[in-house]
């Protein structure tokens, strides 16, 4: 989905542009995927699992940009990608098309500056414009910082998947399921 860029002021006074991801930043996005995966254990991918070609990444970004049911947003600080987030449909079946799934990640250097809150806020607006009534996400149980961000942004825990994630060291981690109501028809906590 194409959407208007939005400029926000970070807690450290710098400007951050929230813009659609597009093929022009494909190379930087591949590097971002690799490096963010190495910075934290909380993402679902490992750095060695990021194996996109430049042409493949451009194709993915083009497809998402033109998809009226998906949003992928990049946060740009000082001319560089600081993070990205996305909203995707759960499918075209009538029983689930009122819901979307949200994901977000930032370079560690940009944590705590307000980017995550702003991105989720803007994603919420865009998801409502698309017609979604509920936004879902999964977060690994040990990721307390992300859980706090999601609660701050209005997400509510709705369940768990036991041993949903297995790290390379052999340890298992639960996934916490969370959701955010986007309309009055979907009520939080019910």
N, C-alpha and C. Protein backbone atom coordinates (compact mmCIF):
# COMPACT_ATOMS: atom_id res chain seq x y z
N UNK A 1 0.84 -1.18 0.00
CA UNK A 1 0.00 0.00 0.00
C UNK A 1 0.89 1.24 0.00
N UNK A 2 0.54 2.14 -0.83
CA UNK A 2 1.22 3.44 -0.84
C UNK A 2 0.54 4.33 0.20
N UNK A 3 1.32 5.10 0.91
CA UNK A 3 0.79 6.03 1.90
C UNK A 3 1.71 7.23 2.01
N UNK A 4 1.22 8.27 2.62
CA UNK A 4 1.97 9.52 2.76
C UNK A 4 3.10 9.36 3.78
N UNK A 5 4.26 9.93 3.44
CA UNK A 5 5.35 9.98 4.41
C UNK A 5 4.93 10.84 5.59
N UNK A 6 5.49 10.51 6.74
CA UNK A 6 5.21 11.29 7.96
C UNK A 6 6.55 11.51 8.67
N UNK A 7 6.80 12.73 9.09
CA UNK A 7 8.03 13.04 9.81
C UNK A 7 7.69 13.21 11.29
N UNK A 8 8.47 12.53 12.13
CA UNK A 8 8.30 12.64 13.58
C UNK A 8 9.60 13.14 14.19
N UNK A 9 9.50 13.71 15.39
CA UNK A 9 10.69 14.13 16.12
C UNK A 9 10.97 13.10 17.20
N UNK A 10 12.19 12.60 17.21
CA UNK A 10 12.59 11.58 18.18
C UNK A 10 12.90 12.21 19.53
N UNK A 11 12.97 11.38 20.55
CA UNK A 11 13.26 11.86 21.91
C UNK A 11 14.62 12.55 22.00
N UNK A 12 15.54 12.25 21.09
CA UNK A 12 16.85 12.90 21.10
C UNK A 12 16.89 14.13 20.19
N UNK A 13 15.73 14.52 19.64
CA UNK A 13 15.63 15.73 18.83
C UNK A 13 15.81 15.52 17.33
N UNK A 14 16.28 14.37 16.90
CA UNK A 14 16.44 14.12 15.47
C UNK A 14 15.09 13.89 14.81
N UNK A 15 15.07 14.04 13.50
CA UNK A 15 13.87 13.76 12.72
C UNK A 15 13.92 12.32 12.20
N UNK A 16 12.76 11.75 12.07
CA UNK A 16 12.61 10.41 11.53
C UNK A 16 11.47 10.45 10.52
N UNK A 17 11.73 9.92 9.35
CA UNK A 17 10.70 9.86 8.30
C UNK A 17 10.12 8.45 8.28
N UNK A 18 8.81 8.35 8.40
CA UNK A 18 8.09 7.09 8.26
C UNK A 18 7.57 7.07 6.83
N UNK A 19 8.05 6.13 6.03
CA UNK A 19 7.72 6.09 4.61
C UNK A 19 7.47 4.67 4.16
N UNK A 20 6.79 4.52 3.02
CA UNK A 20 6.63 3.17 2.48
C UNK A 20 7.99 2.59 2.09
N UNK A 21 8.18 1.31 2.35
CA UNK A 21 9.36 0.67 1.80
C UNK A 21 9.12 0.52 0.31
N UNK A 22 10.19 0.63 -0.44
CA UNK A 22 10.08 0.56 -1.90
C UNK A 22 11.39 0.01 -2.44
N UNK A 23 11.40 -0.37 -3.69
CA UNK A 23 12.60 -0.98 -4.27
C UNK A 23 13.87 -0.14 -4.14
N UNK A 24 13.74 1.18 -4.02
CA UNK A 24 14.92 2.04 -3.92
C UNK A 24 15.76 1.79 -2.67
N UNK A 25 15.19 1.14 -1.65
CA UNK A 25 15.96 0.85 -0.44
C UNK A 25 16.16 -0.66 -0.24
N UNK A 26 16.00 -1.43 -1.30
CA UNK A 26 16.09 -2.89 -1.20
C UNK A 26 17.44 -3.35 -0.65
N UNK A 27 18.52 -2.80 -1.13
CA UNK A 27 19.85 -3.22 -0.67
C UNK A 27 20.02 -2.93 0.83
N UNK A 28 19.58 -1.75 1.24
CA UNK A 28 19.67 -1.38 2.65
C UNK A 28 18.76 -2.26 3.52
N UNK A 29 17.63 -2.66 2.98
CA UNK A 29 16.71 -3.53 3.73
C UNK A 29 17.32 -4.91 3.96
N UNK A 30 18.02 -5.45 2.98
CA UNK A 30 18.67 -6.75 3.16
C UNK A 30 19.71 -6.66 4.28
N UNK A 31 20.50 -5.62 4.27
CA UNK A 31 21.51 -5.43 5.32
C UNK A 31 20.83 -5.27 6.67
N UNK A 32 19.76 -4.49 6.71
CA UNK A 32 18.99 -4.28 7.94
C UNK A 32 18.47 -5.62 8.49
N UNK A 33 17.92 -6.47 7.63
CA UNK A 33 17.40 -7.76 8.07
C UNK A 33 18.51 -8.62 8.69
N UNK A 34 19.67 -8.62 8.07
CA UNK A 34 20.79 -9.40 8.60
C UNK A 34 21.26 -8.86 9.95
N UNK A 35 21.46 -7.56 10.02
CA UNK A 35 22.04 -6.97 11.24
C UNK A 35 21.08 -6.98 12.42
N UNK A 36 19.79 -6.68 12.18
CA UNK A 36 18.85 -6.72 13.30
C UNK A 36 18.68 -8.14 13.83
N UNK A 37 18.77 -9.10 12.94
CA UNK A 37 18.68 -10.51 13.37
C UNK A 37 19.86 -10.89 14.25
N UNK A 38 21.01 -10.28 14.02
CA UNK A 38 22.20 -10.57 14.82
C UNK A 38 22.20 -9.81 16.15
N UNK A 39 21.48 -8.70 16.21
CA UNK A 39 21.49 -7.85 17.41
C UNK A 39 20.64 -8.37 18.55
N UNK A 40 19.63 -9.15 18.23
CA UNK A 40 18.68 -9.59 19.26
C UNK A 40 18.21 -11.01 18.97
N UNK A 41 17.97 -11.79 20.01
CA UNK A 41 17.45 -13.14 19.79
C UNK A 41 15.93 -13.17 19.59
N UNK A 42 15.27 -12.03 19.69
CA UNK A 42 13.81 -12.00 19.74
C UNK A 42 13.13 -12.03 18.38
N UNK A 43 13.88 -11.91 17.30
CA UNK A 43 13.27 -11.99 15.97
C UNK A 43 13.19 -13.45 15.53
N UNK A 44 12.28 -13.75 14.63
CA UNK A 44 12.08 -15.14 14.22
C UNK A 44 13.14 -15.66 13.26
N UNK A 45 13.88 -14.75 12.66
CA UNK A 45 14.92 -15.19 11.72
C UNK A 45 16.30 -15.05 12.38
N UNK A 46 17.22 -15.88 11.91
CA UNK A 46 18.63 -15.77 12.28
C UNK A 46 19.36 -15.09 11.12
N UNK A 47 20.49 -14.45 11.39
CA UNK A 47 21.19 -13.74 10.31
C UNK A 47 21.50 -14.62 9.10
N UNK A 48 21.87 -15.87 9.34
CA UNK A 48 22.22 -16.76 8.22
C UNK A 48 20.99 -17.19 7.40
N UNK A 49 19.80 -16.86 7.88
CA UNK A 49 18.58 -17.19 7.15
C UNK A 49 18.12 -16.05 6.24
N UNK A 50 18.81 -14.94 6.28
CA UNK A 50 18.51 -13.81 5.39
C UNK A 50 19.32 -14.04 4.12
N UNK A 51 18.67 -14.55 3.11
CA UNK A 51 19.38 -14.90 1.88
C UNK A 51 18.67 -14.34 0.64
N UNK A 52 18.12 -13.15 0.79
CA UNK A 52 17.44 -12.52 -0.34
C UNK A 52 18.46 -11.98 -1.34
N UNK A 53 18.15 -12.10 -2.61
CA UNK A 53 18.94 -11.43 -3.64
C UNK A 53 18.40 -10.00 -3.75
N UNK A 54 19.19 -9.13 -4.33
CA UNK A 54 18.75 -7.76 -4.52
C UNK A 54 17.50 -7.71 -5.39
N UNK A 55 17.49 -8.46 -6.45
CA UNK A 55 16.32 -8.49 -7.34
C UNK A 55 15.10 -9.07 -6.63
N UNK A 56 15.32 -10.12 -5.84
CA UNK A 56 14.22 -10.72 -5.09
C UNK A 56 13.63 -9.75 -4.08
N UNK A 57 14.49 -9.02 -3.38
CA UNK A 57 14.01 -8.04 -2.39
C UNK A 57 13.27 -6.90 -3.08
N UNK A 58 13.77 -6.44 -4.21
CA UNK A 58 13.07 -5.39 -4.96
C UNK A 58 11.67 -5.87 -5.36
N UNK A 59 11.58 -7.12 -5.79
CA UNK A 59 10.28 -7.69 -6.19
C UNK A 59 9.32 -7.74 -5.00
N UNK A 60 9.83 -8.18 -3.85
CA UNK A 60 8.99 -8.25 -2.64
C UNK A 60 8.49 -6.86 -2.26
N UNK A 61 9.40 -5.89 -2.24
CA UNK A 61 9.02 -4.54 -1.85
C UNK A 61 8.03 -3.92 -2.84
N UNK A 62 8.21 -4.19 -4.13
CA UNK A 62 7.27 -3.70 -5.15
C UNK A 62 5.89 -4.31 -4.94
N UNK A 63 5.86 -5.62 -4.71
CA UNK A 63 4.58 -6.31 -4.53
C UNK A 63 3.82 -5.77 -3.32
N UNK A 64 4.52 -5.57 -2.20
CA UNK A 64 3.87 -5.05 -1.00
C UNK A 64 3.40 -3.62 -1.22
N UNK A 65 4.19 -2.82 -1.91
CA UNK A 65 3.84 -1.43 -2.18
C UNK A 65 2.53 -1.33 -2.96
N UNK A 66 2.29 -2.28 -3.84
CA UNK A 66 1.08 -2.27 -4.68
C UNK A 66 -0.08 -3.06 -4.09
N UNK A 67 0.14 -3.76 -2.99
CA UNK A 67 -0.91 -4.57 -2.37
C UNK A 67 -1.80 -3.68 -1.49
N UNK A 68 -3.08 -3.53 -1.81
CA UNK A 68 -3.95 -2.65 -1.03
C UNK A 68 -4.27 -3.18 0.37
N UNK A 69 -3.92 -4.43 0.66
CA UNK A 69 -4.21 -5.02 1.97
C UNK A 69 -2.97 -5.13 2.86
N UNK A 70 -1.80 -4.68 2.38
CA UNK A 70 -0.56 -4.78 3.14
C UNK A 70 0.11 -3.42 3.23
N UNK A 71 0.81 -3.22 4.34
CA UNK A 71 1.59 -2.00 4.55
C UNK A 71 2.97 -2.42 5.03
N UNK A 72 4.01 -1.87 4.42
CA UNK A 72 5.35 -2.03 4.96
C UNK A 72 5.96 -0.63 5.05
N UNK A 73 6.41 -0.30 6.25
CA UNK A 73 6.89 1.04 6.56
C UNK A 73 8.34 0.98 7.00
N UNK A 74 9.13 1.92 6.49
CA UNK A 74 10.51 2.06 6.94
C UNK A 74 10.63 3.34 7.77
N UNK A 75 11.45 3.27 8.80
CA UNK A 75 11.80 4.46 9.58
C UNK A 75 13.18 4.88 9.12
N UNK A 76 13.30 6.13 8.65
CA UNK A 76 14.56 6.64 8.12
C UNK A 76 15.06 7.75 9.05
N UNK A 77 16.26 7.56 9.57
CA UNK A 77 16.90 8.54 10.45
C UNK A 77 18.27 8.86 9.86
N UNK A 78 18.54 10.14 9.71
CA UNK A 78 19.82 10.57 9.13
C UNK A 78 20.09 9.89 7.79
N UNK A 79 19.03 9.70 7.01
CA UNK A 79 19.16 9.12 5.68
C UNK A 79 19.34 7.62 5.63
N UNK A 80 19.23 6.95 6.79
CA UNK A 80 19.45 5.50 6.83
C UNK A 80 18.25 4.79 7.45
N UNK A 81 18.04 3.55 7.04
CA UNK A 81 16.96 2.75 7.62
C UNK A 81 17.29 2.48 9.09
N UNK A 82 16.36 2.84 9.96
CA UNK A 82 16.50 2.58 11.40
C UNK A 82 15.65 1.40 11.83
N UNK A 83 14.62 1.10 11.05
CA UNK A 83 13.73 0.00 11.38
C UNK A 83 12.64 -0.11 10.34
N UNK A 84 11.84 -1.15 10.51
CA UNK A 84 10.66 -1.27 9.65
C UNK A 84 9.57 -2.03 10.38
N UNK A 85 8.38 -1.90 9.85
CA UNK A 85 7.23 -2.61 10.41
C UNK A 85 6.27 -2.90 9.27
N UNK A 86 5.36 -3.82 9.53
CA UNK A 86 4.45 -4.23 8.47
C UNK A 86 3.12 -4.70 9.05
N UNK A 87 2.10 -4.56 8.22
CA UNK A 87 0.79 -5.13 8.48
C UNK A 87 0.45 -5.97 7.26
N UNK A 88 0.02 -7.20 7.52
CA UNK A 88 -0.35 -8.11 6.44
C UNK A 88 -1.69 -8.76 6.75
N UNK A 89 -2.42 -9.03 5.70
CA UNK A 89 -3.70 -9.72 5.81
C UNK A 89 -3.48 -11.15 6.31
N UNK A 90 -4.46 -11.67 7.03
CA UNK A 90 -4.42 -13.07 7.44
C UNK A 90 -5.07 -13.97 6.39
N UNK A 91 -5.54 -13.37 5.33
CA UNK A 91 -6.14 -14.15 4.25
C UNK A 91 -7.40 -13.50 3.73
N UNK A 92 -7.90 -14.03 2.63
CA UNK A 92 -9.08 -13.45 2.01
C UNK A 92 -10.37 -14.16 2.37
N UNK A 93 -10.28 -15.15 3.24
CA UNK A 93 -11.49 -15.85 3.69
C UNK A 93 -12.32 -14.92 4.56
N UNK A 94 -13.62 -14.92 4.38
CA UNK A 94 -14.51 -14.00 5.08
C UNK A 94 -14.35 -14.06 6.61
N UNK A 95 -14.06 -15.24 7.14
CA UNK A 95 -14.00 -15.40 8.59
C UNK A 95 -12.77 -14.74 9.21
N UNK A 96 -11.74 -14.44 8.43
CA UNK A 96 -10.53 -13.84 9.00
C UNK A 96 -10.12 -12.53 8.34
N UNK A 97 -10.80 -12.10 7.32
CA UNK A 97 -10.32 -10.91 6.62
C UNK A 97 -10.52 -9.61 7.39
N UNK A 98 -11.14 -9.67 8.56
CA UNK A 98 -11.24 -8.48 9.41
C UNK A 98 -9.97 -8.29 10.24
N UNK A 99 -9.05 -9.27 10.19
CA UNK A 99 -7.84 -9.24 11.01
C UNK A 99 -6.58 -9.06 10.16
N UNK A 100 -5.59 -8.43 10.77
CA UNK A 100 -4.27 -8.32 10.15
C UNK A 100 -3.22 -8.68 11.18
N UNK A 101 -2.04 -8.98 10.69
CA UNK A 101 -0.91 -9.33 11.55
C UNK A 101 0.12 -8.21 11.46
N UNK A 102 0.71 -7.84 12.60
CA UNK A 102 1.68 -6.76 12.66
C UNK A 102 3.04 -7.31 13.11
N UNK A 103 4.11 -6.77 12.52
CA UNK A 103 5.47 -7.09 12.93
C UNK A 103 6.31 -5.83 12.87
N UNK A 104 7.32 -5.76 13.74
CA UNK A 104 8.17 -4.57 13.81
C UNK A 104 9.55 -4.96 14.31
N UNK A 105 10.57 -4.25 13.85
CA UNK A 105 11.93 -4.42 14.36
C UNK A 105 12.70 -3.14 14.10
N UNK A 106 13.59 -2.83 15.01
CA UNK A 106 14.47 -1.66 14.89
C UNK A 106 15.89 -2.08 15.20
N UNK A 107 16.84 -1.36 14.61
CA UNK A 107 18.22 -1.52 15.07
C UNK A 107 18.27 -1.14 16.54
N UNK A 108 19.08 -1.83 17.31
CA UNK A 108 19.20 -1.59 18.75
C UNK A 108 19.53 -0.12 19.06
N UNK A 109 20.34 0.51 18.22
CA UNK A 109 20.74 1.91 18.45
C UNK A 109 19.55 2.87 18.46
N UNK A 110 18.41 2.44 17.92
CA UNK A 110 17.24 3.30 17.84
C UNK A 110 16.14 2.93 18.84
N UNK A 111 16.41 1.94 19.70
CA UNK A 111 15.43 1.58 20.71
C UNK A 111 15.26 2.73 21.69
N UNK A 112 14.05 2.91 22.17
CA UNK A 112 13.78 3.90 23.22
C UNK A 112 13.68 5.34 22.75
N UNK A 113 13.65 5.58 21.45
CA UNK A 113 13.59 6.96 20.93
C UNK A 113 12.18 7.37 20.49
N UNK A 114 11.22 6.46 20.58
CA UNK A 114 9.84 6.77 20.18
C UNK A 114 9.47 6.29 18.79
N UNK A 115 10.40 5.66 18.09
CA UNK A 115 10.11 5.20 16.73
C UNK A 115 9.06 4.09 16.74
N UNK A 116 9.22 3.12 17.62
CA UNK A 116 8.28 2.01 17.67
C UNK A 116 6.86 2.47 17.95
N UNK A 117 6.70 3.35 18.93
CA UNK A 117 5.38 3.88 19.26
C UNK A 117 4.77 4.61 18.07
N UNK A 118 5.58 5.45 17.41
CA UNK A 118 5.08 6.20 16.26
C UNK A 118 4.72 5.28 15.10
N UNK A 119 5.57 4.29 14.85
CA UNK A 119 5.28 3.37 13.74
C UNK A 119 4.00 2.59 13.99
N UNK A 120 3.83 2.09 15.20
CA UNK A 120 2.62 1.32 15.50
C UNK A 120 1.39 2.22 15.42
N UNK A 121 1.52 3.46 15.88
CA UNK A 121 0.40 4.41 15.77
C UNK A 121 0.00 4.66 14.33
N UNK A 122 0.99 4.88 13.47
CA UNK A 122 0.71 5.13 12.06
C UNK A 122 0.17 3.87 11.39
N UNK A 123 0.76 2.72 11.72
CA UNK A 123 0.24 1.45 11.17
C UNK A 123 -1.21 1.24 11.55
N UNK A 124 -1.56 1.59 12.78
CA UNK A 124 -2.94 1.45 13.24
C UNK A 124 -3.87 2.29 12.38
N UNK A 125 -3.49 3.54 12.11
CA UNK A 125 -4.29 4.41 11.24
C UNK A 125 -4.47 3.79 9.86
N UNK A 126 -3.37 3.31 9.30
CA UNK A 126 -3.42 2.73 7.95
C UNK A 126 -4.24 1.44 7.91
N UNK A 127 -4.10 0.62 8.95
CA UNK A 127 -4.88 -0.62 9.02
C UNK A 127 -6.37 -0.32 9.08
N UNK A 128 -6.74 0.72 9.82
CA UNK A 128 -8.15 1.12 9.87
C UNK A 128 -8.63 1.58 8.50
N UNK A 129 -7.79 2.36 7.79
CA UNK A 129 -8.15 2.82 6.44
C UNK A 129 -8.40 1.64 5.50
N UNK A 130 -7.59 0.61 5.64
CA UNK A 130 -7.76 -0.58 4.80
C UNK A 130 -9.08 -1.28 5.12
N UNK A 131 -9.53 -1.18 6.37
CA UNK A 131 -10.77 -1.81 6.78
C UNK A 131 -10.60 -2.92 7.80
N UNK A 132 -9.38 -3.10 8.30
CA UNK A 132 -9.16 -4.10 9.34
C UNK A 132 -9.82 -3.67 10.64
N UNK A 133 -10.31 -4.65 11.38
CA UNK A 133 -10.97 -4.40 12.66
C UNK A 133 -10.11 -4.83 13.84
N UNK A 134 -9.11 -5.67 13.58
CA UNK A 134 -8.28 -6.19 14.66
C UNK A 134 -6.86 -6.42 14.14
N UNK A 135 -5.87 -6.03 14.95
CA UNK A 135 -4.47 -6.24 14.62
C UNK A 135 -3.90 -7.25 15.61
N UNK A 136 -3.27 -8.31 15.09
CA UNK A 136 -2.69 -9.37 15.91
C UNK A 136 -1.17 -9.33 15.81
N UNK A 137 -0.51 -9.87 16.82
CA UNK A 137 0.93 -10.05 16.78
C UNK A 137 1.33 -11.18 17.71
N UNK A 138 2.55 -11.66 17.51
CA UNK A 138 3.15 -12.65 18.40
C UNK A 138 4.46 -12.07 18.89
N UNK A 139 4.79 -12.31 20.16
CA UNK A 139 6.04 -11.84 20.74
C UNK A 139 6.61 -12.96 21.61
N UNK A 140 7.91 -13.17 21.55
CA UNK A 140 8.53 -14.22 22.35
C UNK A 140 8.45 -13.82 23.82
N UNK A 141 8.09 -14.77 24.66
CA UNK A 141 7.77 -14.50 26.06
C UNK A 141 8.86 -13.74 26.82
N UNK A 142 10.12 -13.96 26.54
CA UNK A 142 11.18 -13.27 27.26
C UNK A 142 11.42 -11.84 26.83
N UNK A 143 10.77 -11.39 25.79
CA UNK A 143 11.01 -10.05 25.24
C UNK A 143 10.14 -9.02 25.97
N UNK A 144 10.54 -8.70 27.19
CA UNK A 144 9.76 -7.80 28.05
C UNK A 144 9.65 -6.39 27.47
N UNK A 145 10.72 -5.90 26.84
CA UNK A 145 10.70 -4.54 26.29
C UNK A 145 9.64 -4.41 25.19
N UNK A 146 9.58 -5.38 24.31
CA UNK A 146 8.57 -5.35 23.24
C UNK A 146 7.17 -5.48 23.81
N UNK A 147 7.00 -6.36 24.79
CA UNK A 147 5.68 -6.52 25.40
C UNK A 147 5.20 -5.21 26.01
N UNK A 148 6.11 -4.49 26.67
CA UNK A 148 5.74 -3.19 27.27
C UNK A 148 5.33 -2.20 26.18
N UNK A 149 6.05 -2.18 25.08
CA UNK A 149 5.70 -1.30 23.96
C UNK A 149 4.32 -1.64 23.43
N UNK A 150 4.07 -2.92 23.22
CA UNK A 150 2.78 -3.33 22.67
C UNK A 150 1.63 -2.98 23.62
N UNK A 151 1.81 -3.21 24.90
CA UNK A 151 0.76 -2.83 25.87
C UNK A 151 0.53 -1.32 25.83
N UNK A 152 1.62 -0.55 25.78
CA UNK A 152 1.52 0.92 25.70
C UNK A 152 0.71 1.34 24.48
N UNK A 153 0.83 0.58 23.38
CA UNK A 153 0.13 0.89 22.13
C UNK A 153 -1.26 0.28 22.05
N UNK A 154 -1.73 -0.32 23.16
CA UNK A 154 -3.10 -0.81 23.22
C UNK A 154 -3.31 -2.29 22.95
N UNK A 155 -2.24 -3.06 22.85
CA UNK A 155 -2.38 -4.50 22.63
C UNK A 155 -2.66 -5.22 23.96
N UNK A 156 -3.42 -6.27 23.87
CA UNK A 156 -3.81 -7.07 25.02
C UNK A 156 -3.40 -8.52 24.78
N UNK A 157 -2.84 -9.16 25.81
CA UNK A 157 -2.47 -10.56 25.68
C UNK A 157 -3.73 -11.41 25.57
N UNK A 158 -3.71 -12.35 24.62
CA UNK A 158 -4.89 -13.20 24.44
C UNK A 158 -4.58 -14.69 24.52
N UNK A 159 -3.31 -15.04 24.68
CA UNK A 159 -2.98 -16.46 24.79
C UNK A 159 -1.49 -16.70 24.59
N UNK A 160 -1.14 -18.00 24.57
CA UNK A 160 0.25 -18.40 24.40
C UNK A 160 0.33 -19.63 23.51
N UNK A 161 1.46 -19.74 22.84
CA UNK A 161 1.82 -20.97 22.15
C UNK A 161 3.02 -21.54 22.89
N UNK A 162 2.82 -22.68 23.51
CA UNK A 162 3.85 -23.33 24.30
C UNK A 162 5.00 -23.81 23.42
N UNK A 163 6.22 -23.49 23.80
CA UNK A 163 7.43 -23.93 23.08
C UNK A 163 7.34 -23.62 21.58
N UNK A 164 6.83 -22.46 21.24
CA UNK A 164 6.62 -22.10 19.84
C UNK A 164 7.91 -21.79 19.10
N UNK A 165 8.95 -21.39 19.85
CA UNK A 165 10.21 -20.99 19.24
C UNK A 165 11.34 -21.80 19.87
N UNK A 166 12.22 -22.33 19.03
CA UNK A 166 13.38 -23.07 19.52
C UNK A 166 14.65 -22.35 19.05
N UNK A 167 15.44 -21.90 20.01
CA UNK A 167 16.70 -21.22 19.69
C UNK A 167 17.76 -22.24 19.31
N UNK A 168 18.82 -21.76 18.68
CA UNK A 168 19.91 -22.64 18.26
C UNK A 168 20.59 -23.35 19.42
N UNK A 169 20.50 -22.77 20.63
CA UNK A 169 21.11 -23.42 21.80
C UNK A 169 20.25 -24.55 22.35
N UNK A 170 19.10 -24.81 21.70
CA UNK A 170 18.22 -25.90 22.11
C UNK A 170 17.12 -25.47 23.07
N UNK A 171 17.15 -24.21 23.54
CA UNK A 171 16.12 -23.75 24.48
C UNK A 171 14.82 -23.41 23.74
N UNK A 172 13.71 -23.68 24.41
CA UNK A 172 12.38 -23.40 23.88
C UNK A 172 11.82 -22.15 24.56
N UNK A 173 11.00 -21.43 23.80
CA UNK A 173 10.39 -20.21 24.32
C UNK A 173 8.94 -20.15 23.87
N UNK A 174 8.07 -19.73 24.77
CA UNK A 174 6.67 -19.55 24.42
C UNK A 174 6.51 -18.29 23.59
N UNK A 175 5.46 -18.27 22.78
CA UNK A 175 5.05 -17.07 22.08
C UNK A 175 3.81 -16.54 22.77
N UNK A 176 3.80 -15.25 23.03
CA UNK A 176 2.61 -14.60 23.59
C UNK A 176 1.82 -14.02 22.42
N UNK A 177 0.54 -14.32 22.39
CA UNK A 177 -0.36 -13.79 21.36
C UNK A 177 -1.00 -12.52 21.91
N UNK A 178 -1.01 -11.47 21.11
CA UNK A 178 -1.61 -10.21 21.53
C UNK A 178 -2.48 -9.68 20.39
N UNK A 179 -3.44 -8.85 20.75
CA UNK A 179 -4.28 -8.22 19.73
C UNK A 179 -4.65 -6.82 20.16
N UNK A 180 -5.05 -6.03 19.17
CA UNK A 180 -5.51 -4.66 19.41
C UNK A 180 -6.79 -4.46 18.62
N UNK A 181 -7.84 -4.03 19.29
CA UNK A 181 -9.10 -3.72 18.61
C UNK A 181 -8.94 -2.42 17.84
N UNK A 182 -9.37 -2.42 16.59
CA UNK A 182 -9.28 -1.23 15.75
C UNK A 182 -10.62 -0.55 15.54
N UNK A 183 -11.71 -1.23 15.89
CA UNK A 183 -13.05 -0.68 15.75
C UNK A 183 -13.84 -0.95 17.02
N UNK A 184 -14.94 -0.28 17.15
CA UNK A 184 -15.81 -0.49 18.32
C UNK A 184 -16.48 -1.86 18.27
N UNK A 185 -16.58 -2.43 17.06
CA UNK A 185 -17.22 -3.75 16.94
C UNK A 185 -16.37 -4.85 17.59
N UNK A 186 -15.04 -4.67 17.53
CA UNK A 186 -14.14 -5.62 18.19
C UNK A 186 -13.76 -4.95 19.50
N UNK A 187 -14.19 -5.49 20.60
CA UNK A 187 -13.96 -4.87 21.89
C UNK A 187 -12.73 -5.47 22.57
N UNK A 188 -11.89 -4.62 23.11
CA UNK A 188 -10.71 -5.09 23.83
C UNK A 188 -11.12 -5.83 25.08
N UNK A 189 -10.49 -6.95 25.31
CA UNK A 189 -10.72 -7.70 26.53
C UNK A 189 -11.89 -8.66 26.47
N UNK A 190 -12.56 -8.74 25.35
CA UNK A 190 -13.72 -9.63 25.26
C UNK A 190 -13.42 -10.79 24.35
